[in-house]
Amino acid sequence: MILNAGCWKRRLVVLAIATSWLTGCATAGFETGGVAACPPVVEYSRELQARVAEELARLPDGSAVLEMMGDYAVMREQVRLCQS
């Protein structure tokens, strides 16, 4: 066990340094009104939205696509909040 102690200490130091660097990259404001860049929200026509709604309605219950579309809706709302 004594031989491994130095190896673990070195790994912990490297992990601490890497965490510090990554944390520094994430300091841009992600709160509302922060300085982080917000991606654009693509606007879809009413016709396209209606077509998508019809296609989604035809998918079977439990469809993975439906689950992903729910996630996509949440991300779009987060981007809208980021932009305001």
Protein backbone atom coordinates (compact mmCIF):
# COMPACT_ATOMS: atom_id res chain seq x y z
CA MET A 1 0.00 0.00 0.00
CA ILE A 2 2.82 2.42 0.70
CA LEU A 3 4.06 2.18 -2.89
CA ASN A 4 0.64 3.23 -4.21
CA ALA A 5 0.28 6.21 -1.85
CA GLY A 6 2.46 8.48 -3.99
CA CYS A 7 0.60 7.49 -7.13
CA TRP A 8 -2.78 8.34 -5.56
CA LYS A 9 -1.49 11.69 -4.27
CA ARG A 10 -0.26 12.59 -7.73
CA ARG A 11 -3.64 11.64 -9.24
CA LEU A 12 -5.48 13.71 -6.66
CA VAL A 13 -3.31 16.73 -7.41
CA VAL A 14 -3.91 16.34 -11.15
CA LEU A 15 -7.64 15.96 -10.53
CA ALA A 16 -7.71 19.08 -8.35
CA ILE A 17 -5.84 21.11 -10.98
CA ALA A 18 -8.10 19.87 -13.80
CA THR A 19 -11.21 20.67 -11.75
CA SER A 20 -9.88 24.14 -11.06
CA TRP A 21 -9.25 24.80 -14.75
CA LEU A 22 -12.67 23.50 -15.80
CA THR A 23 -14.39 25.56 -13.11
CA GLY A 24 -12.62 28.64 -14.40
CA CYS A 25 -14.08 28.02 -17.84
CA ALA A 26 -17.59 27.87 -16.43
CA THR A 27 -17.56 31.21 -14.64
CA ALA A 28 -19.34 33.11 -17.41
CA GLY A 29 -22.75 34.12 -16.08
CA PHE A 30 -25.38 31.51 -16.80
CA GLU A 31 -27.95 33.31 -14.71
CA THR A 32 -30.53 35.55 -16.36
CA GLY A 33 -28.78 38.64 -17.67
CA GLY A 34 -25.36 36.99 -17.45
CA VAL A 35 -22.59 37.45 -19.97
CA ALA A 36 -22.76 33.93 -21.41
CA ALA A 37 -23.54 33.66 -25.10
CA CYS A 38 -27.04 32.37 -25.78
CA PRO A 39 -27.65 30.32 -28.92
CA PRO A 40 -30.36 31.60 -31.24
CA VAL A 41 -33.86 30.13 -31.09
CA VAL A 42 -34.99 29.03 -34.54
CA GLU A 43 -38.47 30.30 -35.33
CA TYR A 44 -40.78 27.88 -37.15
CA SER A 45 -43.78 28.85 -39.26
CA ARG A 46 -47.26 27.97 -38.01
CA GLU A 47 -47.66 25.62 -40.95
CA LEU A 48 -44.52 23.68 -40.05
CA GLN A 49 -45.53 23.58 -36.38
CA ALA A 50 -48.94 22.16 -37.35
CA ARG A 51 -47.32 19.54 -39.57
CA VAL A 52 -44.93 18.50 -36.80
CA ALA A 53 -47.81 18.27 -34.31
CA GLU A 54 -49.68 15.96 -36.69
CA GLU A 55 -46.61 13.77 -37.19
CA LEU A 56 -45.94 13.57 -33.45
CA ALA A 57 -49.56 12.60 -32.80
CA ARG A 58 -49.10 9.57 -35.07
CA LEU A 59 -46.14 8.24 -33.08
CA PRO A 60 -46.80 5.34 -30.71
CA ASP A 61 -46.99 5.96 -26.95
CA GLY A 62 -43.58 5.65 -25.32
CA SER A 63 -41.78 6.72 -28.48
CA ALA A 64 -38.20 7.86 -27.93
CA VAL A 65 -38.82 10.73 -30.36
CA LEU A 66 -41.60 12.08 -28.12
CA GLU A 67 -39.28 12.00 -25.13
CA MET A 68 -36.55 13.81 -27.07
CA MET A 69 -39.00 16.45 -28.31
CA GLY A 70 -39.95 17.15 -24.68
CA ASP A 71 -36.27 17.69 -23.88
CA TYR A 72 -35.96 19.94 -26.93
CA ALA A 73 -38.91 22.06 -25.75
CA VAL A 74 -37.22 22.53 -22.37
CA MET A 75 -33.95 23.57 -24.03
CA ARG A 76 -35.75 26.09 -26.25
CA GLU A 77 -37.38 27.64 -23.18
CA GLN A 78 -34.01 27.81 -21.42
CA VAL A 79 -32.53 29.63 -24.40
CA ARG A 80 -35.42 32.10 -24.42
CA LEU A 81 -34.78 32.82 -20.74
CA CYS A 82 -31.07 33.18 -21.43
CA GLN A 83 -31.77 35.77 -24.12
CA SER A 84 -34.08 37.89 -21.97
